[in-house]
Amino acid sequence: MALTSPVARTRKRRHPAAISLSELSRSPLYSEELGIELGKRSDAEYFKWFLASLLFGARISETIARNTYRAFARYGLLTPDSILASGWDFLVNPIMREGGYVRYDGRKSTQVLADCKRLQSEYGGSLTNLHDRAKDEKDLEERVLAFYGIGPVTMNIFLRELRPFWRKARPEPLPVVRKLARKYGIDLSAFDVASRTFGRIEAGLIRMRGGAT
């Protein structure tokens, strides 16, 4: 979709400290920063993003979330089976400790294990099955929210980057995204919510706030 119209509106109302719409539309997605290739449309990549979303959804910094995901990758723990086989103690130390978790290391380890167990028992370890079994957008969101420790924010983090690949993934932008878009004169309605461009603008605005949530 052409950027002419929203760019014009952005220029008219541009805030002195605002980033340009052109820059926002080139923002890397959070999955891309971690080397996760959702465009492959594979369960392996979907699970990596699910795991990363669990980490980004905690009350920690983006840096700690990224470092912890990379610790999982470093130890080859990027599937439900491998994570369950590793056990709680191993997740706490070295995984969470190397990532930088301190206060939430035990709690987050418990959540990751519980959610891997649920994914295995309810959906045969396949997030594609989760999507396919959902009746519609609302049911998909409810199924994600049924996982242990996942609230609306973590659900949004997970589903928003899957919009281009899952037809039932249509979470509304977070209130902070709409607020920042209004502040900088960006017309979000001018973009297809399922497009990568929308996702990049969304990610860029969230980074301006200072966090994945």
C-alpha atoms as a PDB file:
ATOM      1  CA  MET A   1       0.000   0.000   0.000  1.00  0.00           C
ATOM      2  CA  ALA A   2       1.334   3.447  -0.877  1.00  0.00           C
ATOM      3  CA  LEU A   3       2.616   5.541   1.997  1.00  0.00           C
ATOM      4  CA  THR A   4       1.877   8.926   0.409  1.00  0.00           C
ATOM      5  CA  SER A   5      -1.323   9.787   2.251  1.00  0.00           C
ATOM      6  CA  PRO A   6      -0.250   8.835   5.792  1.00  0.00           C
ATOM      7  CA  VAL A   7       3.158  10.438   5.246  1.00  0.00           C
ATOM      8  CA  ALA A   8       1.460  13.699   4.327  1.00  0.00           C
ATOM      9  CA  ARG A   9      -0.692  13.568   7.428  1.00  0.00           C
ATOM     10  CA  THR A  10       2.350  12.733   9.528  1.00  0.00           C
ATOM     11  CA  ARG A  11       4.265  15.736   8.218  1.00  0.00           C
ATOM     12  CA  LYS A  12       1.414  18.107   9.014  1.00  0.00           C
ATOM     13  CA  ARG A  13       1.236  17.032  12.638  1.00  0.00           C
ATOM     14  CA  ARG A  14       4.832  15.964  13.165  1.00  0.00           C
ATOM     15  CA  HIS A  15       6.038  16.122  16.727  1.00  0.00           C
ATOM     16  CA  PRO A  16       9.536  17.629  17.075  1.00  0.00           C
ATOM     17  CA  ALA A  17      10.944  14.392  18.488  1.00  0.00           C
ATOM     18  CA  ALA A  18       8.992  12.056  16.199  1.00  0.00           C
ATOM     19  CA  ILE A  19      10.602   9.422  14.065  1.00  0.00           C
ATOM     20  CA  SER A  20       9.512   9.541  10.431  1.00  0.00           C
ATOM     21  CA  LEU A  21       6.924   7.125   9.092  1.00  0.00           C
ATOM     22  CA  SER A  22       9.481   5.964   6.558  1.00  0.00           C
ATOM     23  CA  GLU A  23      11.843   4.992   9.369  1.00  0.00           C
ATOM     24  CA  LEU A  24       9.070   3.286  11.332  1.00  0.00           C
ATOM     25  CA  SER A  25       8.052   1.215   8.318  1.00  0.00           C
ATOM     26  CA  ARG A  26      11.609  -0.203   8.219  1.00  0.00           C
ATOM     27  CA  SER A  27      11.681  -1.153  11.908  1.00  0.00           C
ATOM     28  CA  PRO A  28      12.760  -4.757  12.474  1.00  0.00           C
ATOM     29  CA  LEU A  29      10.168  -7.077  13.929  1.00  0.00           C
ATOM     30  CA  TYR A  30      10.990  -8.547  17.328  1.00  0.00           C
ATOM     31  CA  SER A  31      11.072 -12.033  15.819  1.00  0.00           C
ATOM     32  CA  GLU A  32      13.555 -10.872  13.186  1.00  0.00           C
ATOM     33  CA  GLU A  33      15.892  -9.529  15.854  1.00  0.00           C
ATOM     34  CA  LEU A  34      16.098 -13.052  17.245  1.00  0.00           C
ATOM     35  CA  GLY A  35      16.591 -14.729  13.868  1.00  0.00           C
ATOM     36  CA  ILE A  36      13.134 -16.324  13.985  1.00  0.00           C
ATOM     37  CA  GLU A  37      11.747 -16.842  10.471  1.00  0.00           C
ATOM     38  CA  LEU A  38       7.965 -16.830  10.814  1.00  0.00           C
ATOM     39  CA  GLY A  39       7.677 -16.602   7.036  1.00  0.00           C
ATOM     40  CA  LYS A  40       8.670 -20.280   6.870  1.00  0.00           C
ATOM     41  CA  ARG A  41       5.230 -21.034   8.355  1.00  0.00           C
ATOM     42  CA  SER A  42       6.658 -23.970  10.282  1.00  0.00           C
ATOM     43  CA  ASP A  43       5.859 -25.239  13.768  1.00  0.00           C
ATOM     44  CA  ALA A  44       9.545 -25.005  14.643  1.00  0.00           C
ATOM     45  CA  GLU A  45       9.632 -21.250  13.983  1.00  0.00           C
ATOM     46  CA  TYR A  46       6.205 -20.682  15.532  1.00  0.00           C
ATOM     47  CA  PHE A  47       7.377 -22.345  18.746  1.00  0.00           C
ATOM     48  CA  LYS A  48      10.520 -20.227  18.871  1.00  0.00           C
ATOM     49  CA  TRP A  49       8.337 -17.124  18.708  1.00  0.00           C
ATOM     50  CA  PHE A  50       5.962 -18.553  21.322  1.00  0.00           C
ATOM     51  CA  LEU A  51       8.922 -19.063  23.673  1.00  0.00           C
ATOM     52  CA  ALA A  52      10.271 -15.581  22.970  1.00  0.00           C
ATOM     53  CA  SER A  53       6.811 -14.095  23.599  1.00  0.00           C
ATOM     54  CA  LEU A  54       6.685 -15.752  27.025  1.00  0.00           C
ATOM     55  CA  LEU A  55       9.955 -14.021  27.839  1.00  0.00           C
ATOM     56  CA  PHE A  56       9.011 -10.617  26.411  1.00  0.00           C
ATOM     57  CA  GLY A  57       5.734 -10.763  28.326  1.00  0.00           C
ATOM     58  CA  ALA A  58       7.466 -10.677  31.712  1.00  0.00           C
ATOM     59  CA  ARG A  59       8.168  -7.507  33.675  1.00  0.00           C
ATOM     60  CA  ILE A  60      11.782  -7.367  32.604  1.00  0.00           C
ATOM     61  CA  SER A  61      13.786  -5.415  30.070  1.00  0.00           C
ATOM     62  CA  GLU A  62      13.860  -6.292  26.382  1.00  0.00           C
ATOM     63  CA  THR A  63      17.590  -6.920  26.739  1.00  0.00           C
ATOM     64  CA  ILE A  64      17.067  -9.595  29.392  1.00  0.00           C
ATOM     65  CA  ALA A  65      14.292 -11.202  27.334  1.00  0.00           C
ATOM     66  CA  ARG A  66      16.518 -11.326  24.241  1.00  0.00           C
ATOM     67  CA  ASN A  67      19.507 -12.635  26.189  1.00  0.00           C
ATOM     68  CA  THR A  68      17.394 -15.337  27.815  1.00  0.00           C
ATOM     69  CA  TYR A  69      15.976 -16.476  24.479  1.00  0.00           C
ATOM     70  CA  ARG A  70      19.529 -16.680  23.148  1.00  0.00           C
ATOM     71  CA  ALA A  71      20.495 -18.773  26.176  1.00  0.00           C
ATOM     72  CA  PHE A  72      17.710 -21.217  25.264  1.00  0.00           C
ATOM     73  CA  ALA A  73      19.082 -21.288  21.713  1.00  0.00           C
ATOM     74  CA  ARG A  74      22.672 -21.703  22.886  1.00  0.00           C
ATOM     75  CA  TYR A  75      21.739 -24.817  24.844  1.00  0.00           C
ATOM     76  CA  GLY A  76      19.579 -26.216  22.047  1.00  0.00           C
ATOM     77  CA  LEU A  77      16.303 -25.785  23.929  1.00  0.00           C
ATOM     78  CA  LEU A  78      13.995 -24.587  21.166  1.00  0.00           C
ATOM     79  CA  THR A  79      11.370 -27.337  21.119  1.00  0.00           C
ATOM     80  CA  PRO A  80       8.774 -28.349  23.714  1.00  0.00           C
ATOM     81  CA  ASP A  81      10.394 -31.788  24.075  1.00  0.00           C
ATOM     82  CA  SER A  82      13.900 -30.465  24.684  1.00  0.00           C
ATOM     83  CA  ILE A  83      12.678 -27.912  27.222  1.00  0.00           C
ATOM     84  CA  LEU A  84      10.630 -30.476  29.137  1.00  0.00           C
ATOM     85  CA  ALA A  85      13.586 -32.879  29.146  1.00  0.00           C
ATOM     86  CA  SER A  86      15.887 -30.191  30.555  1.00  0.00           C
ATOM     87  CA  GLY A  87      13.858 -29.779  33.737  1.00  0.00           C
ATOM     88  CA  TRP A  88      13.144 -26.890  36.092  1.00  0.00           C
ATOM     89  CA  ASP A  89      16.595 -26.718  37.722  1.00  0.00           C
ATOM     90  CA  PHE A  90      18.354 -26.407  34.372  1.00  0.00           C
ATOM     91  CA  LEU A  91      16.002 -23.667  33.229  1.00  0.00           C
ATOM     92  CA  VAL A  92      16.667 -21.676  36.398  1.00  0.00           C
ATOM     93  CA  ASN A  93      20.413 -22.152  36.122  1.00  0.00           C
ATOM     94  CA  PRO A  94      22.064 -21.790  33.652  1.00  0.00           C
ATOM     95  CA  ILE A  95      19.309 -20.594  31.269  1.00  0.00           C
ATOM     96  CA  MET A  96      17.564 -17.874  33.283  1.00  0.00           C
ATOM     97  CA  ARG A  97      20.702 -16.847  35.158  1.00  0.00           C
ATOM     98  CA  GLU A  98      22.705 -16.415  31.959  1.00  0.00           C
ATOM     99  CA  GLY A  99      19.859 -14.430  30.470  1.00  0.00           C
ATOM    100  CA  GLY A 100      19.840 -12.028  33.404  1.00  0.00           C
ATOM    101  CA  TYR A 101      16.723 -13.125  35.281  1.00  0.00           C
ATOM    102  CA  VAL A 102      17.001 -12.746  39.026  1.00  0.00           C
ATOM    103  CA  ARG A 103      13.655 -12.192  40.739  1.00  0.00           C
ATOM    104  CA  TYR A 104      11.555 -14.092  38.204  1.00  0.00           C
ATOM    105  CA  ASP A 105      13.862 -16.996  37.300  1.00  0.00           C
ATOM    106  CA  GLY A 106      11.905 -19.678  39.162  1.00  0.00           C
ATOM    107  CA  ARG A 107       8.480 -18.317  38.238  1.00  0.00           C
ATOM    108  CA  LYS A 108       9.312 -17.983  34.560  1.00  0.00           C
ATOM    109  CA  SER A 109      10.872 -21.462  34.471  1.00  0.00           C
ATOM    110  CA  THR A 110       7.664 -22.874  35.938  1.00  0.00           C
ATOM    111  CA  GLN A 111       5.597 -21.053  33.326  1.00  0.00           C
ATOM    112  CA  VAL A 112       7.707 -22.196  30.376  1.00  0.00           C
ATOM    113  CA  LEU A 113       7.506 -25.830  31.500  1.00  0.00           C
ATOM    114  CA  ALA A 114       3.764 -25.652  32.177  1.00  0.00           C
ATOM    115  CA  ASP A 115       3.075 -24.105  28.787  1.00  0.00           C
ATOM    116  CA  CYS A 116       5.201 -26.680  26.968  1.00  0.00           C
ATOM    117  CA  LYS A 117       3.251 -29.431  28.750  1.00  0.00           C
ATOM    118  CA  ARG A 118      -0.066 -27.885  27.747  1.00  0.00           C
ATOM    119  CA  LEU A 119       1.064 -27.453  24.156  1.00  0.00           C
ATOM    120  CA  GLN A 120       2.002 -31.136  24.066  1.00  0.00           C
ATOM    121  CA  SER A 121      -1.117 -32.455  25.783  1.00  0.00           C
ATOM    122  CA  GLU A 122      -3.696 -30.209  24.084  1.00  0.00           C
ATOM    123  CA  TYR A 123      -2.217 -29.728  20.615  1.00  0.00           C
ATOM    124  CA  GLY A 124       0.348 -32.472  20.121  1.00  0.00           C
ATOM    125  CA  GLY A 125       3.137 -29.899  20.428  1.00  0.00           C
ATOM    126  CA  SER A 126       1.904 -28.005  17.361  1.00  0.00           C
ATOM    127  CA  LEU A 127       0.974 -24.337  17.386  1.00  0.00           C
ATOM    128  CA  THR A 128      -0.396 -24.809  13.886  1.00  0.00           C
ATOM    129  CA  ASN A 129      -2.923 -27.207  15.432  1.00  0.00           C
ATOM    130  CA  LEU A 130      -3.825 -24.538  17.977  1.00  0.00           C
ATOM    131  CA  HIS A 131      -4.598 -22.092  15.174  1.00  0.00           C
ATOM    132  CA  ASP A 132      -6.473 -24.619  13.058  1.00  0.00           C
ATOM    133  CA  ARG A 133      -8.686 -25.744  15.932  1.00  0.00           C
ATOM    134  CA  ALA A 134      -9.705 -22.198  16.802  1.00  0.00           C
ATOM    135  CA  LYS A 135     -13.164 -21.333  15.497  1.00  0.00           C
ATOM    136  CA  ASP A 136     -12.354 -17.684  14.890  1.00  0.00           C
ATOM    137  CA  GLU A 137     -10.187 -14.782  16.024  1.00  0.00           C
ATOM    138  CA  LYS A 138     -11.742 -14.584  19.489  1.00  0.00           C
ATOM    139  CA  ASP A 139     -11.426 -18.324  20.063  1.00  0.00           C
ATOM    140  CA  LEU A 140      -7.770 -18.213  19.035  1.00  0.00           C
ATOM    141  CA  GLU A 141      -7.084 -15.479  21.569  1.00  0.00           C
ATOM    142  CA  GLU A 142      -8.924 -17.428  24.275  1.00  0.00           C
ATOM    143  CA  ARG A 143      -6.908 -20.549  23.519  1.00  0.00           C
ATOM    144  CA  VAL A 144      -3.659 -18.608  23.867  1.00  0.00           C
ATOM    145  CA  LEU A 145      -4.885 -16.992  27.095  1.00  0.00           C
ATOM    146  CA  ALA A 146      -5.641 -20.464  28.484  1.00  0.00           C
ATOM    147  CA  PHE A 147      -1.907 -21.170  28.766  1.00  0.00           C
ATOM    148  CA  TYR A 148      -0.439 -20.769  32.232  1.00  0.00           C
ATOM    149  CA  GLY A 149       0.745 -17.251  32.998  1.00  0.00           C
ATOM    150  CA  ILE A 150      -0.309 -15.745  29.658  1.00  0.00           C
ATOM    151  CA  GLY A 151      -2.313 -12.531  29.932  1.00  0.00           C
ATOM    152  CA  PRO A 152      -3.597 -10.081  27.319  1.00  0.00           C
ATOM    153  CA  VAL A 153      -0.212  -8.423  26.782  1.00  0.00           C
ATOM    154  CA  THR A 154       1.711 -11.662  26.191  1.00  0.00           C
ATOM    155  CA  MET A 155      -1.109 -12.873  23.959  1.00  0.00           C
ATOM    156  CA  ASN A 156      -0.806  -9.660  21.943  1.00  0.00           C
ATOM    157  CA  ILE A 157       2.976  -9.989  21.656  1.00  0.00           C
ATOM    158  CA  PHE A 158       2.627 -13.524  20.309  1.00  0.00           C
ATOM    159  CA  LEU A 159      -0.231 -13.007  17.867  1.00  0.00           C
ATOM    160  CA  ARG A 160       0.595  -9.595  16.424  1.00  0.00           C
ATOM    161  CA  GLU A 161       3.630 -10.826  14.449  1.00  0.00           C
ATOM    162  CA  LEU A 162       1.648 -13.835  13.241  1.00  0.00           C
ATOM    163  CA  ARG A 163      -1.020 -11.703  11.556  1.00  0.00           C
ATOM    164  CA  PRO A 164       0.559 -12.115   8.064  1.00  0.00           C
ATOM    165  CA  PHE A 165       0.631 -15.916   8.438  1.00  0.00           C
ATOM    166  CA  TRP A 166      -2.371 -16.892  10.576  1.00  0.00           C
ATOM    167  CA  ARG A 167      -5.703 -15.677   9.186  1.00  0.00           C
ATOM    168  CA  LYS A 168      -7.293 -15.873  12.643  1.00  0.00           C
ATOM    169  CA  ALA A 169      -4.514 -13.837  14.290  1.00  0.00           C
ATOM    170  CA  ARG A 170      -5.959 -10.317  14.388  1.00  0.00           C
ATOM    171  CA  PRO A 171      -5.191  -8.813  17.800  1.00  0.00           C
ATOM    172  CA  GLU A 172      -5.937  -5.134  18.119  1.00  0.00           C
ATOM    173  CA  PRO A 173      -2.892  -2.866  18.508  1.00  0.00           C
ATOM    174  CA  LEU A 174      -2.068  -2.185  22.146  1.00  0.00           C
ATOM    175  CA  PRO A 175      -3.452   1.086  23.538  1.00  0.00           C
ATOM    176  CA  VAL A 176       0.077   2.489  23.762  1.00  0.00           C
ATOM    177  CA  VAL A 177       0.519   1.937  20.013  1.00  0.00           C
ATOM    178  CA  ARG A 178      -2.658   3.853  19.189  1.00  0.00           C
ATOM    179  CA  LYS A 179      -1.694   6.600  21.635  1.00  0.00           C
ATOM    180  CA  LEU A 180       1.756   7.072  20.108  1.00  0.00           C
ATOM    181  CA  ALA A 181       0.343   6.912  16.580  1.00  0.00           C
ATOM    182  CA  ARG A 182      -2.060   9.742  17.436  1.00  0.00           C
ATOM    183  CA  LYS A 183       0.710  11.705  19.105  1.00  0.00           C
ATOM    184  CA  TYR A 184       2.864  11.570  15.982  1.00  0.00           C
ATOM    185  CA  GLY A 185       0.022  11.943  13.496  1.00  0.00           C
ATOM    186  CA  ILE A 186       0.228   8.446  12.026  1.00  0.00           C
ATOM    187  CA  ASP A 187      -2.988   7.082  10.543  1.00  0.00           C
ATOM    188  CA  LEU A 188      -2.878   3.374  11.375  1.00  0.00           C
ATOM    189  CA  SER A 189      -6.122   2.784   9.477  1.00  0.00           C
ATOM    190  CA  ALA A 190      -4.286   3.546   6.236  1.00  0.00           C
ATOM    191  CA  PHE A 191      -2.440   0.217   6.498  1.00  0.00           C
ATOM    192  CA  ASP A 192      -3.530  -3.397   6.222  1.00  0.00           C
ATOM    193  CA  VAL A 193      -3.263  -4.770   9.774  1.00  0.00           C
ATOM    194  CA  ALA A 194      -2.066  -8.110   8.366  1.00  0.00           C
ATOM    195  CA  SER A 195       0.799  -6.542   6.422  1.00  0.00           C
ATOM    196  CA  ARG A 196       4.439  -6.588   7.430  1.00  0.00           C
ATOM    197  CA  THR A 197       4.482  -2.812   7.065  1.00  0.00           C
ATOM    198  CA  PHE A 198       1.849  -2.452   9.776  1.00  0.00           C
ATOM    199  CA  GLY A 199       3.812  -4.847  11.994  1.00  0.00           C
ATOM    200  CA  ARG A 200       7.003  -2.846  11.528  1.00  0.00           C
ATOM    201  CA  ILE A 201       5.293   0.454  12.334  1.00  0.00           C
ATOM    202  CA  GLU A 202       3.749  -1.185  15.397  1.00  0.00           C
ATOM    203  CA  ALA A 203       7.123  -2.551  16.536  1.00  0.00           C
ATOM    204  CA  GLY A 204       8.777   0.823  15.978  1.00  0.00           C
ATOM    205  CA  LEU A 205       6.175   2.635  18.037  1.00  0.00           C
ATOM    206  CA  ILE A 206       6.483   0.098  20.851  1.00  0.00           C
ATOM    207  CA  ARG A 207      10.257   0.577  20.926  1.00  0.00           C
ATOM    208  CA  MET A 208       9.701   4.329  21.238  1.00  0.00           C
ATOM    209  CA  ARG A 209       7.815   3.531  24.427  1.00  0.00           C
ATOM    210  CA  GLY A 210      10.745   1.446  25.607  1.00  0.00           C
ATOM    211  CA  GLY A 211       9.532  -2.135  25.665  1.00  0.00           C
ATOM    212  CA  ALA A 212       7.870  -5.003  23.820  1.00  0.00           C
ATOM    213  CA  THR A 213       4.722  -4.383  25.800  1.00  0.00           C
END
